[in-house]
Amino acid sequence: MGKSERVMTAAGRNIEPVTRTQIIKIHVAAKQLNLSRQQYEDILSGFIKPDGSPCASSKDLDRDQAEYLLRIFRKLGFKETKRGRVLKYEEYSRRDYRFAEPRQMRLIDALWHTSPKVRNKTDAALNHFIKRIAGVDHIGFLLKKDVQKVIKAIREL
């Protein structure tokens, strides 16, 4: 089967095969979560191939099944990395919805460290700035409602 070929199920649904990237993420997640070979195989056997038999390998999954499996792994604590590193502020990902999300904190961090108007491009200076604008001591305590206020203040420096 070629890369772009699809399989038609009995229900008449097109199924796209799992991508290489998804397979790599699944293997990294299983390793990061310290799953034994048996645990990994048990999880995979819960997915069904188009012919009706249980999946024995991540290569047997389709794209939707692979994404579902990755969502399960994320709920179990899998943290996606960028070239082997955990993304900055990712430790704040499982908090109350009122706090800023890690991607928002990374945006603020990037704006701060790349702005030509910022003279002191350190994390300590950023936290001092956030304290002045939003009234919290650290970027990790920043609320979602204050994110745009901080972004606007950095851009207007």
N, C-alpha and C. Protein backbone atom coordinates (compact mmCIF):
# COMPACT_ATOMS: atom_id res chain seq x y z
N MET A 1 0.86 -1.17 0.00
CA MET A 1 0.00 0.00 0.00
C MET A 1 0.90 1.23 0.00
N GLY A 2 0.64 2.19 -0.89
CA GLY A 2 1.43 3.41 -0.99
C GLY A 2 1.10 4.38 0.12
N LYS A 3 1.88 5.46 0.18
CA LYS A 3 1.70 6.45 1.24
C LYS A 3 0.32 7.08 1.24
N SER A 4 -0.19 7.41 0.07
CA SER A 4 -1.46 8.13 0.02
C SER A 4 -2.66 7.22 -0.21
N GLU A 5 -2.44 5.91 -0.27
CA GLU A 5 -3.56 5.01 -0.49
C GLU A 5 -4.43 4.92 0.74
N ARG A 6 -5.70 4.70 0.50
CA ARG A 6 -6.66 4.57 1.59
C ARG A 6 -7.32 3.21 1.52
N VAL A 7 -7.83 2.78 2.65
CA VAL A 7 -8.55 1.52 2.72
C VAL A 7 -10.02 1.85 2.91
N MET A 8 -10.88 1.16 2.19
CA MET A 8 -12.32 1.38 2.31
C MET A 8 -12.87 0.30 3.24
N THR A 9 -13.57 0.72 4.29
CA THR A 9 -14.14 -0.24 5.24
C THR A 9 -15.48 -0.75 4.73
N ALA A 10 -16.00 -1.75 5.43
CA ALA A 10 -17.31 -2.29 5.08
C ALA A 10 -18.39 -1.24 5.23
N ALA A 11 -18.18 -0.30 6.15
CA ALA A 11 -19.16 0.76 6.38
C ALA A 11 -19.04 1.86 5.32
N GLY A 12 -18.09 1.70 4.39
CA GLY A 12 -17.94 2.69 3.33
C GLY A 12 -17.13 3.90 3.74
N ARG A 13 -16.35 3.80 4.79
CA ARG A 13 -15.56 4.91 5.30
C ARG A 13 -14.12 4.78 4.82
N ASN A 14 -13.55 5.88 4.34
CA ASN A 14 -12.15 5.89 3.95
C ASN A 14 -11.28 5.94 5.19
N ILE A 15 -10.26 5.12 5.22
CA ILE A 15 -9.33 5.10 6.35
C ILE A 15 -7.94 5.42 5.82
N GLU A 16 -7.35 6.46 6.39
CA GLU A 16 -6.00 6.82 5.99
C GLU A 16 -5.02 6.10 6.91
N PRO A 17 -3.93 5.58 6.35
CA PRO A 17 -2.97 4.85 7.18
C PRO A 17 -2.24 5.79 8.15
N VAL A 18 -1.73 5.21 9.22
CA VAL A 18 -0.98 5.94 10.23
C VAL A 18 0.25 6.57 9.57
N THR A 19 0.63 7.75 10.04
CA THR A 19 1.81 8.41 9.48
C THR A 19 3.06 7.99 10.26
N ARG A 20 4.19 8.18 9.65
CA ARG A 20 5.47 7.85 10.29
C ARG A 20 5.65 8.69 11.56
N THR A 21 5.26 9.96 11.49
CA THR A 21 5.36 10.85 12.65
C THR A 21 4.53 10.33 13.81
N GLN A 22 3.32 9.88 13.51
CA GLN A 22 2.46 9.34 14.57
C GLN A 22 3.08 8.10 15.21
N ILE A 23 3.66 7.23 14.38
CA ILE A 23 4.29 6.01 14.90
C ILE A 23 5.44 6.38 15.85
N ILE A 24 6.25 7.35 15.44
CA ILE A 24 7.37 7.79 16.27
C ILE A 24 6.86 8.35 17.60
N LYS A 25 5.82 9.20 17.54
CA LYS A 25 5.26 9.78 18.76
C LYS A 25 4.72 8.69 19.69
N ILE A 26 4.06 7.70 19.13
CA ILE A 26 3.51 6.60 19.92
C ILE A 26 4.63 5.86 20.64
N HIS A 27 5.72 5.57 19.93
CA HIS A 27 6.84 4.85 20.54
C HIS A 27 7.53 5.69 21.62
N VAL A 28 7.69 6.99 21.36
CA VAL A 28 8.29 7.89 22.35
C VAL A 28 7.40 7.95 23.59
N ALA A 29 6.09 8.05 23.38
CA ALA A 29 5.14 8.12 24.50
C ALA A 29 5.20 6.85 25.34
N ALA A 30 5.21 5.70 24.68
CA ALA A 30 5.25 4.43 25.41
C ALA A 30 6.53 4.34 26.25
N LYS A 31 7.63 4.80 25.68
CA LYS A 31 8.89 4.77 26.42
C LYS A 31 8.85 5.77 27.58
N GLN A 32 8.33 6.99 27.31
CA GLN A 32 8.26 8.02 28.35
C GLN A 32 7.36 7.59 29.50
N LEU A 33 6.30 6.86 29.19
CA LEU A 33 5.37 6.39 30.22
C LEU A 33 5.82 5.09 30.88
N ASN A 34 6.99 4.59 30.47
CA ASN A 34 7.56 3.35 31.01
C ASN A 34 6.60 2.17 30.89
N LEU A 35 5.94 2.05 29.74
CA LEU A 35 5.04 0.92 29.52
C LEU A 35 5.86 -0.32 29.21
N SER A 36 5.50 -1.43 29.82
CA SER A 36 6.17 -2.69 29.49
C SER A 36 5.68 -3.13 28.11
N ARG A 37 6.40 -4.06 27.52
CA ARG A 37 6.01 -4.58 26.20
C ARG A 37 4.59 -5.14 26.25
N GLN A 38 4.29 -5.86 27.34
CA GLN A 38 2.97 -6.46 27.50
C GLN A 38 1.88 -5.39 27.62
N GLN A 39 2.14 -4.35 28.42
CA GLN A 39 1.17 -3.26 28.56
C GLN A 39 0.91 -2.57 27.22
N TYR A 40 1.98 -2.32 26.48
CA TYR A 40 1.88 -1.67 25.17
C TYR A 40 1.05 -2.53 24.21
N GLU A 41 1.34 -3.82 24.19
CA GLU A 41 0.59 -4.73 23.30
C GLU A 41 -0.87 -4.83 23.72
N ASP A 42 -1.14 -4.82 25.03
CA ASP A 42 -2.52 -4.86 25.52
C ASP A 42 -3.30 -3.62 25.07
N ILE A 43 -2.65 -2.46 25.15
CA ILE A 43 -3.31 -1.22 24.72
C ILE A 43 -3.61 -1.28 23.22
N LEU A 44 -2.61 -1.71 22.44
CA LEU A 44 -2.80 -1.78 20.98
C LEU A 44 -3.89 -2.78 20.60
N SER A 45 -4.01 -3.86 21.34
CA SER A 45 -5.00 -4.88 21.00
C SER A 45 -6.43 -4.37 21.17
N GLY A 46 -6.59 -3.24 21.83
CA GLY A 46 -7.92 -2.63 21.97
C GLY A 46 -8.38 -1.93 20.70
N PHE A 47 -7.49 -1.78 19.74
CA PHE A 47 -7.83 -1.17 18.46
C PHE A 47 -8.00 -2.26 17.41
N ILE A 48 -8.92 -2.03 16.50
CA ILE A 48 -9.27 -3.05 15.50
C ILE A 48 -8.82 -2.61 14.11
N LYS A 49 -8.18 -3.53 13.38
CA LYS A 49 -7.76 -3.27 12.00
C LYS A 49 -8.99 -3.33 11.09
N PRO A 50 -8.87 -2.81 9.86
CA PRO A 50 -10.02 -2.85 8.93
C PRO A 50 -10.55 -4.27 8.68
N ASP A 51 -9.68 -5.28 8.79
CA ASP A 51 -10.15 -6.66 8.55
C ASP A 51 -10.85 -7.26 9.76
N GLY A 52 -10.91 -6.50 10.90
CA GLY A 52 -11.62 -6.96 12.07
C GLY A 52 -10.75 -7.58 13.14
N SER A 53 -9.48 -7.80 12.86
CA SER A 53 -8.59 -8.39 13.86
C SER A 53 -7.95 -7.30 14.72
N PRO A 54 -7.51 -7.63 15.94
CA PRO A 54 -6.90 -6.62 16.82
C PRO A 54 -5.53 -6.18 16.29
N CYS A 55 -5.19 -4.94 16.57
CA CYS A 55 -3.89 -4.40 16.16
C CYS A 55 -2.80 -5.00 17.03
N ALA A 56 -1.69 -5.37 16.41
CA ALA A 56 -0.55 -5.92 17.14
C ALA A 56 0.64 -4.98 17.08
N SER A 57 0.54 -3.96 16.24
CA SER A 57 1.64 -3.02 16.05
C SER A 57 1.05 -1.64 15.80
N SER A 58 1.83 -0.61 16.09
CA SER A 58 1.35 0.75 15.81
C SER A 58 1.15 0.97 14.32
N LYS A 59 1.81 0.18 13.51
CA LYS A 59 1.67 0.28 12.05
C LYS A 59 0.30 -0.22 11.58
N ASP A 60 -0.39 -0.98 12.43
CA ASP A 60 -1.72 -1.48 12.09
C ASP A 60 -2.81 -0.44 12.29
N LEU A 61 -2.51 0.63 13.01
CA LEU A 61 -3.50 1.66 13.31
C LEU A 61 -3.77 2.53 12.08
N ASP A 62 -4.94 3.17 12.06
CA ASP A 62 -5.16 4.20 11.05
C ASP A 62 -4.90 5.55 11.71
N ARG A 63 -4.97 6.63 10.93
CA ARG A 63 -4.63 7.96 11.47
C ARG A 63 -5.51 8.36 12.65
N ASP A 64 -6.80 8.11 12.55
CA ASP A 64 -7.71 8.48 13.64
C ASP A 64 -7.42 7.68 14.91
N GLN A 65 -7.17 6.39 14.74
CA GLN A 65 -6.85 5.55 15.90
C GLN A 65 -5.54 6.00 16.55
N ALA A 66 -4.56 6.35 15.73
CA ALA A 66 -3.27 6.81 16.25
C ALA A 66 -3.45 8.10 17.05
N GLU A 67 -4.25 9.04 16.53
CA GLU A 67 -4.50 10.29 17.26
C GLU A 67 -5.23 10.02 18.57
N TYR A 68 -6.18 9.08 18.55
CA TYR A 68 -6.89 8.72 19.77
C TYR A 68 -5.93 8.12 20.79
N LEU A 69 -5.05 7.24 20.34
CA LEU A 69 -4.06 6.63 21.23
C LEU A 69 -3.13 7.69 21.82
N LEU A 70 -2.71 8.65 21.01
CA LEU A 70 -1.86 9.73 21.51
C LEU A 70 -2.59 10.58 22.55
N ARG A 71 -3.90 10.81 22.35
CA ARG A 71 -4.68 11.54 23.35
C ARG A 71 -4.71 10.77 24.68
N ILE A 72 -4.86 9.46 24.59
CA ILE A 72 -4.84 8.62 25.80
C ILE A 72 -3.49 8.76 26.50
N PHE A 73 -2.41 8.68 25.73
CA PHE A 73 -1.07 8.79 26.31
C PHE A 73 -0.85 10.16 26.94
N ARG A 74 -1.39 11.22 26.33
CA ARG A 74 -1.27 12.57 26.91
C ARG A 74 -1.99 12.64 28.25
N LYS A 75 -3.16 12.00 28.34
CA LYS A 75 -3.90 11.99 29.60
C LYS A 75 -3.15 11.21 30.68
N LEU A 76 -2.35 10.25 30.24
CA LEU A 76 -1.55 9.46 31.19
C LEU A 76 -0.27 10.18 31.60
N GLY A 77 0.00 11.33 30.96
CA GLY A 77 1.17 12.11 31.36
C GLY A 77 2.23 12.28 30.31
N PHE A 78 2.01 11.79 29.09
CA PHE A 78 2.98 11.95 28.02
C PHE A 78 3.11 13.43 27.66
N LYS A 79 4.34 13.91 27.63
CA LYS A 79 4.62 15.29 27.26
C LYS A 79 5.39 15.26 25.94
N GLU A 80 4.81 15.86 24.91
CA GLU A 80 5.51 15.91 23.63
C GLU A 80 6.73 16.80 23.75
N THR A 81 7.77 16.39 23.10
CA THR A 81 9.01 17.12 23.18
C THR A 81 9.38 17.70 21.83
N LYS A 82 10.29 18.64 21.86
CA LYS A 82 10.81 19.20 20.62
C LYS A 82 12.27 18.81 20.57
N ARG A 83 12.58 17.87 19.71
CA ARG A 83 13.94 17.35 19.56
C ARG A 83 14.50 16.85 20.89
N GLY A 84 13.69 16.09 21.60
CA GLY A 84 14.15 15.47 22.82
C GLY A 84 14.03 16.31 24.08
N ARG A 85 13.55 17.56 23.94
CA ARG A 85 13.42 18.43 25.11
C ARG A 85 11.95 18.70 25.38
N VAL A 86 11.61 18.78 26.64
CA VAL A 86 10.24 19.17 27.00
C VAL A 86 10.12 20.67 26.75
N LEU A 87 9.03 21.09 26.15
CA LEU A 87 8.83 22.49 25.84
C LEU A 87 8.78 23.33 27.12
N LYS A 88 9.27 24.55 27.03
CA LYS A 88 9.29 25.44 28.17
C LYS A 88 7.86 25.69 28.66
N TYR A 89 7.69 25.74 29.95
CA TYR A 89 6.42 25.97 30.64
C TYR A 89 5.43 24.81 30.50
N GLU A 90 5.84 23.70 29.93
CA GLU A 90 4.93 22.56 29.74
C GLU A 90 4.50 21.96 31.07
N GLU A 91 5.28 22.18 32.13
CA GLU A 91 4.91 21.66 33.45
C GLU A 91 3.64 22.31 33.99
N TYR A 92 3.21 23.41 33.37
CA TYR A 92 2.00 24.11 33.79
C TYR A 92 0.76 23.67 33.00
N SER A 93 0.87 22.60 32.24
CA SER A 93 -0.21 22.22 31.32
C SER A 93 -1.46 21.66 31.99
N ARG A 94 -1.37 21.09 33.16
CA ARG A 94 -2.53 20.46 33.79
C ARG A 94 -3.02 21.27 34.98
N ARG A 95 -3.32 22.53 34.73
CA ARG A 95 -3.77 23.39 35.82
C ARG A 95 -5.20 23.84 35.59
N ASP A 96 -5.67 24.60 36.52
CA ASP A 96 -7.00 25.18 36.44
C ASP A 96 -7.11 26.00 35.14
N TYR A 97 -8.26 25.97 34.52
CA TYR A 97 -8.47 26.63 33.23
C TYR A 97 -8.28 28.15 33.30
N ARG A 98 -8.33 28.74 34.49
CA ARG A 98 -8.20 30.19 34.61
C ARG A 98 -6.78 30.69 34.40
N PHE A 99 -5.80 29.81 34.56
CA PHE A 99 -4.40 30.20 34.39
C PHE A 99 -4.02 30.19 32.91
N ALA A 100 -2.99 30.96 32.58
CA ALA A 100 -2.48 31.00 31.22
C ALA A 100 -1.99 29.62 30.81
N GLU A 101 -2.19 29.29 29.53
CA GLU A 101 -1.74 28.01 29.00
C GLU A 101 -0.25 28.09 28.68
N PRO A 102 0.44 26.94 28.65
CA PRO A 102 1.87 26.96 28.33
C PRO A 102 2.19 27.65 27.00
N ARG A 103 1.36 27.47 25.98
CA ARG A 103 1.64 28.11 24.69
C ARG A 103 1.54 29.63 24.80
N GLN A 104 0.64 30.12 25.65
CA GLN A 104 0.52 31.56 25.86
C GLN A 104 1.76 32.10 26.60
N MET A 105 2.22 31.32 27.58
CA MET A 105 3.43 31.73 28.31
C MET A 105 4.65 31.71 27.39
N ARG A 106 4.72 30.71 26.49
CA ARG A 106 5.83 30.66 25.53
C ARG A 106 5.79 31.86 24.59
N LEU A 107 4.58 32.28 24.19
CA LEU A 107 4.45 33.45 23.32
C LEU A 107 4.96 34.70 24.04
N ILE A 108 4.55 34.89 25.27
CA ILE A 108 5.01 36.05 26.05
C ILE A 108 6.53 36.00 26.20
N ASP A 109 7.05 34.82 26.52
CA ASP A 109 8.49 34.64 26.68
C ASP A 109 9.23 34.99 25.38
N ALA A 110 8.71 34.51 24.26
CA ALA A 110 9.35 34.78 22.97
C ALA A 110 9.30 36.27 22.62
N LEU A 111 8.16 36.90 22.86
CA LEU A 111 8.05 38.34 22.60
C LEU A 111 9.06 39.11 23.45
N TRP A 112 9.18 38.73 24.70
CA TRP A 112 10.09 39.42 25.62
C TRP A 112 11.54 39.27 25.16
N HIS A 113 11.92 38.04 24.82
CA HIS A 113 13.32 37.77 24.48
C HIS A 113 13.71 38.21 23.08
N THR A 114 12.74 38.53 22.22
CA THR A 114 13.07 38.96 20.86
C THR A 114 12.77 40.43 20.59
N SER A 115 12.10 41.08 21.50
CA SER A 115 11.75 42.48 21.30
C SER A 115 13.01 43.36 21.32
N PRO A 116 13.18 44.20 20.31
CA PRO A 116 14.36 45.08 20.29
C PRO A 116 14.29 46.17 21.36
N LYS A 117 13.11 46.42 21.90
CA LYS A 117 12.93 47.47 22.91
C LYS A 117 13.25 47.00 24.32
N VAL A 118 13.36 45.69 24.52
CA VAL A 118 13.68 45.14 25.83
C VAL A 118 15.20 45.11 25.99
N ARG A 119 15.69 45.77 27.03
CA ARG A 119 17.14 45.81 27.26
C ARG A 119 17.62 44.61 28.06
N ASN A 120 16.89 44.23 29.09
CA ASN A 120 17.28 43.12 29.96
C ASN A 120 16.43 41.90 29.61
N LYS A 121 16.92 41.03 28.76
CA LYS A 121 16.14 39.90 28.24
C LYS A 121 16.31 38.64 29.10
N THR A 122 16.11 38.78 30.39
CA THR A 122 16.22 37.64 31.30
C THR A 122 14.83 37.24 31.80
N ASP A 123 14.74 36.03 32.31
CA ASP A 123 13.47 35.57 32.88
C ASP A 123 13.10 36.38 34.13
N ALA A 124 14.12 36.76 34.90
CA ALA A 124 13.86 37.55 36.11
C ALA A 124 13.27 38.92 35.73
N ALA A 125 13.80 39.54 34.67
CA ALA A 125 13.28 40.82 34.22
C ALA A 125 11.85 40.67 33.69
N LEU A 126 11.60 39.57 33.00
CA LEU A 126 10.24 39.30 32.49
C LEU A 126 9.27 39.16 33.67
N ASN A 127 9.65 38.41 34.68
CA ASN A 127 8.78 38.24 35.84
C ASN A 127 8.54 39.56 36.56
N HIS A 128 9.55 40.40 36.63
CA HIS A 128 9.39 41.73 37.24
C HIS A 128 8.40 42.57 36.43
N PHE A 129 8.51 42.49 35.11
CA PHE A 129 7.60 43.21 34.21
C PHE A 129 6.16 42.70 34.39
N ILE A 130 6.00 41.38 34.46
CA ILE A 130 4.67 40.78 34.64
C ILE A 130 4.08 41.20 35.99
N LYS A 131 4.93 41.30 37.00
CA LYS A 131 4.47 41.75 38.32
C LYS A 131 3.90 43.16 38.22
N ARG A 132 4.59 44.03 37.45
CA ARG A 132 4.14 45.41 37.30
C ARG A 132 2.84 45.49 36.51
N ILE A 133 2.70 44.69 35.47
CA ILE A 133 1.53 44.76 34.59
C ILE A 133 0.32 43.98 35.14
N ALA A 134 0.56 42.75 35.59
CA ALA A 134 -0.55 41.87 35.98
C ALA A 134 -0.66 41.64 37.49
N GLY A 135 0.35 42.03 38.25
CA GLY A 135 0.28 41.89 39.70
C GLY A 135 0.59 40.51 40.23
N VAL A 136 1.22 39.65 39.42
CA VAL A 136 1.62 38.32 39.89
C VAL A 136 3.14 38.21 39.84
N ASP A 137 3.71 37.43 40.75
CA ASP A 137 5.16 37.37 40.91
C ASP A 137 5.90 36.58 39.84
N HIS A 138 5.21 35.68 39.16
CA HIS A 138 5.88 34.80 38.21
C HIS A 138 4.95 34.53 37.03
N ILE A 139 5.52 34.29 35.87
CA ILE A 139 4.72 34.01 34.68
C ILE A 139 3.82 32.79 34.90
N GLY A 140 4.25 31.87 35.74
CA GLY A 140 3.46 30.68 36.04
C GLY A 140 2.15 30.97 36.76
N PHE A 141 2.04 32.15 37.37
CA PHE A 141 0.82 32.52 38.07
C PHE A 141 -0.08 33.42 37.24
N LEU A 142 0.31 33.69 36.01
CA LEU A 142 -0.44 34.59 35.13
C LEU A 142 -1.80 33.99 34.78
N LEU A 143 -2.84 34.79 34.88
CA LEU A 143 -4.19 34.34 34.54
C LEU A 143 -4.46 34.59 33.06
N LYS A 144 -5.35 33.78 32.48
CA LYS A 144 -5.70 33.94 31.07
C LYS A 144 -6.20 35.34 30.76
N LYS A 145 -6.95 35.91 31.69
CA LYS A 145 -7.54 37.22 31.45
C LYS A 145 -6.48 38.32 31.36
N ASP A 146 -5.28 38.06 31.87
CA ASP A 146 -4.20 39.05 31.85
C ASP A 146 -3.20 38.84 30.71
N VAL A 147 -3.32 37.74 29.97
CA VAL A 147 -2.36 37.43 28.92
C VAL A 147 -2.29 38.53 27.86
N GLN A 148 -3.45 38.94 27.35
CA GLN A 148 -3.45 39.97 26.30
C GLN A 148 -2.92 41.30 26.82
N LYS A 149 -3.18 41.59 28.08
CA LYS A 149 -2.68 42.83 28.68
C LYS A 149 -1.14 42.83 28.68
N VAL A 150 -0.53 41.70 29.03
CA VAL A 150 0.93 41.59 29.07
C VAL A 150 1.50 41.64 27.66
N ILE A 151 0.87 40.94 26.72
CA ILE A 151 1.34 40.93 25.32
C ILE A 151 1.30 42.35 24.76
N LYS A 152 0.20 43.04 25.00
CA LYS A 152 0.06 44.42 24.51
C LYS A 152 1.12 45.33 25.13
N ALA A 153 1.38 45.14 26.43
CA ALA A 153 2.38 45.98 27.11
C ALA A 153 3.79 45.74 26.55
N ILE A 154 4.11 44.49 26.24
CA ILE A 154 5.43 44.21 25.66
C ILE A 154 5.55 44.85 24.28
N ARG A 155 4.50 44.73 23.48
CA ARG A 155 4.53 45.29 22.12
C ARG A 155 4.58 46.81 22.13
N GLU A 156 4.07 47.43 23.18
CA GLU A 156 4.05 48.89 23.25
C GLU A 156 5.26 49.50 23.96
N LEU A 157 6.19 48.68 24.35
CA LEU A 157 7.39 49.19 25.02
C LEU A 157 8.11 50.21 24.16
